[in-house]
């Protein structure tokens, strides 16, 4: 399947917590990375999501925030993944940062060129990717 989102990560559902309207779905990726998605209970039913089912986490690259270095801040994002920058492609306004997580998973982010330069991001840097659970779209094979 071809989609315009840069990130389509395959994992297995390892936890499912239904609420009144929405459910929290946890996917575990290769390398033991967990991604939490918040989707409607109707989506859980339509997709047939339950523990053990394979699903894709789809995250648009502009929704992935990159952090570098130590911080004393806590973030409201449910998803924080650590990895290493493997490639940076800089354009006139934005830059694409591709990071590799343990287990060989690649996650892409689109940030401003100004952020790239002010953070001094380059291949080999250890970084964290931050994104909200509500920014994750889930998909399963038909």
N, C-alpha and C. Protein backbone atom coordinates (compact mmCIF):
# COMPACT_ATOMS: atom_id res chain seq x y z
N UNK A 1 0.85 -1.17 0.00
CA UNK A 1 0.00 0.00 0.00
C UNK A 1 0.89 1.23 0.00
N UNK A 2 0.58 2.19 -0.82
CA UNK A 2 1.28 3.46 -0.85
C UNK A 2 0.40 4.51 -0.17
N UNK A 3 0.97 5.21 0.78
CA UNK A 3 0.27 6.30 1.45
C UNK A 3 1.21 7.49 1.54
N UNK A 4 0.67 8.67 1.77
CA UNK A 4 1.50 9.87 1.82
C UNK A 4 2.17 10.07 3.17
N UNK A 5 1.73 9.39 4.20
CA UNK A 5 2.37 9.51 5.51
C UNK A 5 3.74 8.83 5.44
N UNK A 6 4.75 9.47 6.01
CA UNK A 6 6.12 8.95 5.93
C UNK A 6 6.36 7.77 6.86
N UNK A 7 5.55 7.64 7.89
CA UNK A 7 5.77 6.60 8.89
C UNK A 7 4.61 5.61 8.92
N UNK A 8 4.92 4.36 8.64
CA UNK A 8 3.96 3.26 8.71
C UNK A 8 4.68 2.11 9.39
N UNK A 9 4.46 1.97 10.69
CA UNK A 9 5.24 1.07 11.52
C UNK A 9 4.40 -0.14 11.93
N UNK A 10 4.89 -1.33 11.64
CA UNK A 10 4.17 -2.56 11.95
C UNK A 10 4.51 -3.03 13.35
N UNK A 11 3.47 -3.35 14.10
CA UNK A 11 3.65 -3.88 15.46
C UNK A 11 2.50 -4.80 15.81
N UNK A 12 2.50 -5.25 17.05
CA UNK A 12 1.42 -6.09 17.57
C UNK A 12 0.74 -5.38 18.71
N UNK A 13 -0.58 -5.52 18.77
CA UNK A 13 -1.34 -4.96 19.88
C UNK A 13 -0.95 -5.73 21.14
N UNK A 14 -0.47 -5.00 22.15
CA UNK A 14 -0.06 -5.64 23.40
C UNK A 14 -0.90 -5.18 24.59
N UNK A 15 -1.71 -4.17 24.40
CA UNK A 15 -2.63 -3.72 25.45
C UNK A 15 -3.77 -2.95 24.81
N UNK A 16 -4.93 -3.06 25.41
CA UNK A 16 -6.13 -2.38 24.91
C UNK A 16 -6.94 -1.95 26.12
N UNK A 17 -7.16 -0.64 26.23
CA UNK A 17 -7.89 -0.10 27.38
C UNK A 17 -9.08 0.70 26.87
N UNK A 18 -10.28 0.08 26.83
CA UNK A 18 -11.44 0.80 26.34
C UNK A 18 -11.94 1.84 27.34
N UNK A 19 -12.43 2.94 26.81
CA UNK A 19 -13.07 3.98 27.63
C UNK A 19 -14.50 4.15 27.17
N UNK A 20 -15.13 5.22 27.60
CA UNK A 20 -16.53 5.46 27.25
C UNK A 20 -16.70 5.69 25.74
N UNK A 21 -15.78 6.41 25.13
CA UNK A 21 -15.86 6.73 23.70
C UNK A 21 -14.63 6.26 22.95
N UNK A 22 -13.47 6.45 23.55
CA UNK A 22 -12.20 6.10 22.92
C UNK A 22 -11.53 4.96 23.66
N UNK A 23 -10.57 4.36 22.98
CA UNK A 23 -9.75 3.31 23.59
C UNK A 23 -8.29 3.68 23.39
N UNK A 24 -7.47 3.29 24.37
CA UNK A 24 -6.03 3.38 24.23
C UNK A 24 -5.55 2.04 23.73
N UNK A 25 -4.81 2.06 22.63
CA UNK A 25 -4.27 0.84 22.05
C UNK A 25 -2.76 0.95 22.07
N UNK A 26 -2.11 -0.05 22.66
CA UNK A 26 -0.65 -0.07 22.68
C UNK A 26 -0.15 -1.08 21.68
N UNK A 27 0.74 -0.62 20.79
CA UNK A 27 1.42 -1.49 19.84
C UNK A 27 2.86 -1.64 20.28
N UNK A 28 3.39 -2.84 20.17
CA UNK A 28 4.81 -3.05 20.43
C UNK A 28 5.49 -3.34 19.10
N UNK A 29 6.52 -2.55 18.81
CA UNK A 29 7.27 -2.64 17.57
C UNK A 29 8.49 -3.53 17.78
N UNK A 30 9.15 -3.95 16.70
CA UNK A 30 10.44 -4.64 16.86
C UNK A 30 11.38 -3.76 17.70
N UNK A 31 12.19 -4.38 18.53
CA UNK A 31 13.06 -3.62 19.41
C UNK A 31 12.38 -3.24 20.72
N UNK A 32 11.17 -3.75 20.92
CA UNK A 32 10.39 -3.50 22.15
C UNK A 32 10.00 -2.05 22.36
N UNK A 33 9.77 -1.31 21.30
CA UNK A 33 9.28 0.07 21.40
C UNK A 33 7.77 0.02 21.45
N UNK A 34 7.18 0.77 22.38
CA UNK A 34 5.73 0.84 22.49
C UNK A 34 5.21 2.15 21.94
N UNK A 35 4.13 2.06 21.19
CA UNK A 35 3.42 3.23 20.68
C UNK A 35 2.00 3.13 21.20
N UNK A 36 1.49 4.24 21.74
CA UNK A 36 0.11 4.30 22.20
C UNK A 36 -0.68 5.14 21.22
N UNK A 37 -1.84 4.62 20.82
CA UNK A 37 -2.76 5.34 19.95
C UNK A 37 -4.09 5.48 20.68
N UNK A 38 -4.76 6.59 20.49
CA UNK A 38 -6.11 6.77 21.00
C UNK A 38 -7.04 6.80 19.80
N UNK A 39 -7.94 5.83 19.74
CA UNK A 39 -8.90 5.72 18.64
C UNK A 39 -10.28 5.47 19.23
N UNK A 40 -11.30 5.65 18.42
CA UNK A 40 -12.66 5.41 18.92
C UNK A 40 -12.90 3.93 19.15
N UNK A 41 -13.82 3.63 20.04
CA UNK A 41 -14.20 2.23 20.27
C UNK A 41 -14.76 1.62 18.99
N UNK A 42 -15.43 2.44 18.19
CA UNK A 42 -15.95 1.97 16.90
C UNK A 42 -14.81 1.52 15.99
N UNK A 43 -13.70 2.27 15.98
CA UNK A 43 -12.54 1.88 15.18
C UNK A 43 -11.94 0.58 15.67
N UNK A 44 -11.88 0.40 17.00
CA UNK A 44 -11.37 -0.85 17.57
C UNK A 44 -12.20 -2.02 17.04
N UNK A 45 -13.51 -1.87 17.05
CA UNK A 45 -14.40 -2.93 16.55
C UNK A 45 -14.24 -3.15 15.05
N UNK A 46 -14.26 -2.08 14.27
CA UNK A 46 -14.16 -2.19 12.81
C UNK A 46 -12.84 -2.82 12.38
N UNK A 47 -11.76 -2.52 13.09
CA UNK A 47 -10.45 -3.05 12.73
C UNK A 47 -10.19 -4.43 13.33
N UNK A 48 -11.05 -4.84 14.25
CA UNK A 48 -10.86 -6.14 14.90
C UNK A 48 -9.65 -6.16 15.81
N UNK A 49 -9.40 -5.04 16.46
CA UNK A 49 -8.22 -4.94 17.32
C UNK A 49 -8.42 -5.70 18.62
N UNK A 50 -7.44 -6.49 18.96
CA UNK A 50 -7.37 -7.17 20.25
C UNK A 50 -5.92 -7.56 20.47
N UNK A 51 -5.58 -7.90 21.68
CA UNK A 51 -4.20 -8.25 22.00
C UNK A 51 -3.74 -9.39 21.10
N UNK A 52 -2.56 -9.21 20.50
CA UNK A 52 -1.97 -10.21 19.62
C UNK A 52 -2.15 -9.92 18.14
N UNK A 53 -3.05 -9.01 17.79
CA UNK A 53 -3.32 -8.69 16.38
C UNK A 53 -2.21 -7.76 15.86
N UNK A 54 -1.74 -8.01 14.63
CA UNK A 54 -0.79 -7.11 13.98
C UNK A 54 -1.52 -5.88 13.48
N UNK A 55 -0.89 -4.72 13.66
CA UNK A 55 -1.47 -3.47 13.18
C UNK A 55 -0.35 -2.51 12.81
N UNK A 56 -0.68 -1.57 11.97
CA UNK A 56 0.25 -0.53 11.57
C UNK A 56 -0.07 0.75 12.33
N UNK A 57 0.97 1.42 12.80
CA UNK A 57 0.84 2.77 13.34
C UNK A 57 1.28 3.72 12.24
N UNK A 58 0.39 4.62 11.86
CA UNK A 58 0.68 5.58 10.81
C UNK A 58 0.78 6.96 11.45
N UNK A 59 1.93 7.60 11.27
CA UNK A 59 2.18 8.90 11.88
C UNK A 59 2.77 9.82 10.82
N UNK A 60 2.11 10.93 10.56
CA UNK A 60 2.65 11.88 9.60
C UNK A 60 3.92 12.51 10.17
N UNK A 61 4.94 12.64 9.34
CA UNK A 61 6.25 13.12 9.77
C UNK A 61 6.22 14.51 10.41
N UNK A 62 5.39 15.46 9.95
CA UNK A 62 5.38 16.78 10.60
C UNK A 62 4.83 16.74 12.04
N UNK A 63 4.21 15.64 12.43
CA UNK A 63 3.67 15.52 13.79
C UNK A 63 4.68 14.93 14.77
N UNK A 64 5.86 14.55 14.26
CA UNK A 64 6.90 13.97 15.10
C UNK A 64 7.90 15.07 15.48
N UNK A 65 7.99 15.34 16.78
CA UNK A 65 8.90 16.36 17.31
C UNK A 65 10.22 15.67 17.68
N UNK A 66 11.33 16.31 17.37
CA UNK A 66 12.64 15.77 17.70
C UNK A 66 13.21 16.54 18.90
N UNK A 67 13.73 15.80 19.87
CA UNK A 67 14.40 16.40 21.03
C UNK A 67 15.80 15.82 21.12
N UNK A 68 16.74 16.68 21.50
CA UNK A 68 18.14 16.26 21.62
C UNK A 68 18.67 16.74 22.97
N UNK A 69 19.45 15.89 23.61
CA UNK A 69 20.06 16.26 24.87
C UNK A 69 19.16 15.98 26.06
N UNK A 70 19.69 16.21 27.24
CA UNK A 70 18.95 15.96 28.47
C UNK A 70 18.06 17.15 28.78
N UNK A 71 16.93 16.86 29.39
CA UNK A 71 16.01 17.92 29.76
C UNK A 71 15.40 17.60 31.11
N UNK A 72 15.01 18.63 31.83
CA UNK A 72 14.31 18.42 33.09
C UNK A 72 12.81 18.64 32.89
N UNK A 73 12.37 18.57 31.64
CA UNK A 73 10.97 18.76 31.32
C UNK A 73 10.24 17.42 31.24
N UNK A 74 8.94 17.45 31.57
CA UNK A 74 8.06 16.33 31.32
C UNK A 74 7.14 16.76 30.18
N UNK A 75 6.81 15.83 29.30
CA UNK A 75 6.00 16.16 28.14
C UNK A 75 4.63 15.49 28.24
N UNK A 76 3.63 16.10 27.63
CA UNK A 76 2.29 15.50 27.62
C UNK A 76 2.13 14.47 26.51
N UNK A 77 3.14 14.29 25.70
CA UNK A 77 3.06 13.27 24.65
C UNK A 77 3.12 11.89 25.27
N UNK A 78 2.27 10.98 24.78
CA UNK A 78 2.28 9.62 25.28
C UNK A 78 3.41 8.80 24.68
N UNK A 79 3.92 9.25 23.55
CA UNK A 79 4.93 8.49 22.82
C UNK A 79 6.27 9.22 22.82
N UNK A 80 7.28 8.54 23.35
CA UNK A 80 8.65 9.02 23.34
C UNK A 80 9.53 7.84 22.93
N UNK A 81 10.15 7.94 21.77
CA UNK A 81 10.99 6.87 21.26
C UNK A 81 12.41 7.37 21.09
N UNK A 82 13.37 6.59 21.58
CA UNK A 82 14.78 6.98 21.47
C UNK A 82 15.42 6.28 20.29
N UNK A 83 16.28 7.03 19.60
CA UNK A 83 16.99 6.46 18.46
C UNK A 83 18.18 7.29 18.08
N UNK A 84 18.73 6.97 16.92
CA UNK A 84 19.90 7.66 16.39
C UNK A 84 19.59 8.19 15.00
N UNK A 85 19.96 9.43 14.76
CA UNK A 85 19.75 9.99 13.43
C UNK A 85 20.62 9.25 12.44
N UNK A 86 19.98 8.75 11.36
CA UNK A 86 20.77 8.09 10.33
C UNK A 86 20.91 8.95 9.08
N UNK A 87 19.99 9.90 8.88
CA UNK A 87 20.09 10.76 7.70
C UNK A 87 19.34 12.06 7.93
N UNK A 88 19.89 13.14 7.42
CA UNK A 88 19.24 14.45 7.44
C UNK A 88 19.23 14.98 6.01
N UNK A 89 18.07 15.39 5.55
CA UNK A 89 17.93 16.01 4.23
C UNK A 89 17.38 17.40 4.45
N UNK A 90 18.18 18.41 4.12
CA UNK A 90 17.79 19.79 4.38
C UNK A 90 17.28 20.45 3.11
N UNK A 91 16.15 21.12 3.23
CA UNK A 91 15.60 21.90 2.13
C UNK A 91 15.73 23.38 2.44
N UNK A 92 15.08 24.21 1.65
CA UNK A 92 15.21 25.65 1.87
C UNK A 92 14.40 26.12 3.08
N UNK A 93 13.32 25.40 3.44
CA UNK A 93 12.48 25.79 4.57
C UNK A 93 12.46 24.70 5.64
N UNK A 94 12.30 23.46 5.23
CA UNK A 94 12.18 22.33 6.14
C UNK A 94 13.31 21.33 5.95
N UNK A 95 13.39 20.42 6.91
CA UNK A 95 14.36 19.33 6.83
C UNK A 95 13.67 18.03 7.22
N UNK A 96 14.11 16.94 6.60
CA UNK A 96 13.61 15.62 6.99
C UNK A 96 14.71 14.95 7.80
N UNK A 97 14.33 14.47 8.98
CA UNK A 97 15.25 13.77 9.85
C UNK A 97 14.78 12.32 9.95
N UNK A 98 15.63 11.38 9.53
CA UNK A 98 15.32 9.96 9.62
C UNK A 98 16.12 9.39 10.78
N UNK A 99 15.41 8.77 11.71
CA UNK A 99 16.10 8.18 12.84
C UNK A 99 15.86 6.69 12.87
N UNK A 100 16.83 5.96 13.39
CA UNK A 100 16.70 4.51 13.50
C UNK A 100 16.55 4.15 14.97
N UNK A 101 15.53 3.36 15.26
CA UNK A 101 15.29 2.86 16.60
C UNK A 101 15.93 1.48 16.72
N UNK A 102 16.14 1.03 17.94
CA UNK A 102 16.60 -0.35 18.14
C UNK A 102 15.63 -1.28 17.46
N UNK A 103 16.13 -2.36 16.89
CA UNK A 103 15.26 -3.29 16.16
C UNK A 103 15.15 -2.94 14.68
N UNK A 104 15.84 -1.86 14.25
CA UNK A 104 15.86 -1.51 12.83
C UNK A 104 14.69 -0.71 12.34
N UNK A 105 13.83 -0.22 13.22
CA UNK A 105 12.67 0.57 12.82
C UNK A 105 13.12 1.98 12.48
N UNK A 106 12.64 2.51 11.35
CA UNK A 106 12.95 3.87 10.94
C UNK A 106 11.75 4.77 11.20
N UNK A 107 12.00 5.93 11.77
CA UNK A 107 10.96 6.93 12.04
C UNK A 107 11.43 8.25 11.45
N UNK A 108 10.55 8.91 10.70
CA UNK A 108 10.89 10.15 10.02
C UNK A 108 10.15 11.33 10.64
N UNK A 109 10.83 12.47 10.63
CA UNK A 109 10.25 13.71 11.13
C UNK A 109 10.54 14.83 10.14
N UNK A 110 9.60 15.74 10.01
CA UNK A 110 9.82 16.95 9.23
C UNK A 110 9.86 18.11 10.22
N UNK A 111 10.98 18.82 10.26
CA UNK A 111 11.15 19.97 11.13
C UNK A 111 11.60 21.16 10.29
N UNK A 112 11.58 22.32 10.90
CA UNK A 112 12.05 23.48 10.15
C UNK A 112 13.57 23.43 10.00
N UNK A 113 14.05 24.06 8.96
CA UNK A 113 15.49 24.16 8.75
C UNK A 113 16.13 24.93 9.90
N UNK A 114 15.41 25.93 10.41
CA UNK A 114 15.92 26.71 11.54
C UNK A 114 16.10 25.82 12.77
N UNK A 115 15.16 24.91 13.04
CA UNK A 115 15.30 23.98 14.17
C UNK A 115 16.48 23.05 13.95
N UNK A 116 16.62 22.55 12.74
CA UNK A 116 17.74 21.67 12.41
C UNK A 116 19.06 22.36 12.73
N UNK A 117 19.19 23.60 12.28
CA UNK A 117 20.44 24.33 12.47
C UNK A 117 20.65 24.73 13.92
N UNK A 118 19.60 25.19 14.60
CA UNK A 118 19.77 25.65 15.98
C UNK A 118 20.07 24.48 16.93
N UNK A 119 19.56 23.29 16.60
CA UNK A 119 19.84 22.11 17.42
C UNK A 119 21.13 21.42 16.99
N UNK A 120 21.66 21.79 15.84
CA UNK A 120 22.89 21.18 15.33
C UNK A 120 22.74 19.70 15.05
N UNK A 121 21.57 19.30 14.54
CA UNK A 121 21.30 17.88 14.30
C UNK A 121 22.10 17.35 13.13
N UNK A 122 22.66 16.14 13.32
CA UNK A 122 23.42 15.49 12.26
C UNK A 122 23.35 13.98 12.44
N UNK A 123 23.72 13.27 11.39
CA UNK A 123 23.75 11.81 11.45
C UNK A 123 24.63 11.36 12.61
N UNK A 124 24.14 10.35 13.34
CA UNK A 124 24.86 9.81 14.47
C UNK A 124 24.41 10.35 15.81
N UNK A 125 23.67 11.47 15.81
CA UNK A 125 23.18 12.05 17.07
C UNK A 125 22.11 11.17 17.71
N UNK A 126 22.17 11.04 19.02
CA UNK A 126 21.12 10.37 19.79
C UNK A 126 19.99 11.38 20.01
N UNK A 127 18.77 10.98 19.68
CA UNK A 127 17.62 11.88 19.79
C UNK A 127 16.41 11.11 20.31
N UNK A 128 15.38 11.88 20.65
CA UNK A 128 14.09 11.31 21.03
C UNK A 128 13.04 11.86 20.07
N UNK A 129 12.10 11.00 19.71
CA UNK A 129 10.96 11.41 18.90
C UNK A 129 9.75 11.47 19.83
N UNK A 130 9.01 12.56 19.77
CA UNK A 130 7.84 12.77 20.61
C UNK A 130 6.62 12.97 19.71
N UNK A 131 5.53 12.26 20.02
CA UNK A 131 4.28 12.50 19.30
C UNK A 131 3.10 12.04 20.15
N UNK A 132 1.98 12.70 19.96
CA UNK A 132 0.78 12.45 20.76
C UNK A 132 0.07 11.18 20.32
N UNK A 133 -0.58 10.52 21.24
CA UNK A 133 -1.35 9.31 20.95
C UNK A 133 -2.48 9.60 19.96
N UNK A 134 -3.03 10.80 20.01
CA UNK A 134 -4.10 11.16 19.09
C UNK A 134 -3.60 11.42 17.67
N UNK A 135 -2.28 11.49 17.48
CA UNK A 135 -1.68 11.68 16.15
C UNK A 135 -1.42 10.36 15.43
N UNK A 136 -1.71 9.25 16.10
CA UNK A 136 -1.45 7.94 15.53
C UNK A 136 -2.73 7.36 14.91
N UNK A 137 -2.66 7.00 13.65
CA UNK A 137 -3.75 6.32 12.96
C UNK A 137 -3.39 4.84 12.91
N UNK A 138 -4.34 4.00 13.23
CA UNK A 138 -4.10 2.55 13.17
C UNK A 138 -4.72 1.95 11.92
N UNK A 139 -4.07 0.94 11.38
CA UNK A 139 -4.57 0.21 10.21
C UNK A 139 -4.22 -1.26 10.36
N UNK A 140 -5.04 -2.11 9.78
CA UNK A 140 -4.77 -3.55 9.75
C UNK A 140 -4.90 -4.00 8.31
N UNK A 141 -4.33 -5.17 8.02
CA UNK A 141 -4.47 -5.74 6.68
C UNK A 141 -5.91 -6.15 6.47
N UNK A 142 -6.41 -5.92 5.26
CA UNK A 142 -7.80 -6.28 4.94
C UNK A 142 -7.95 -7.77 4.73
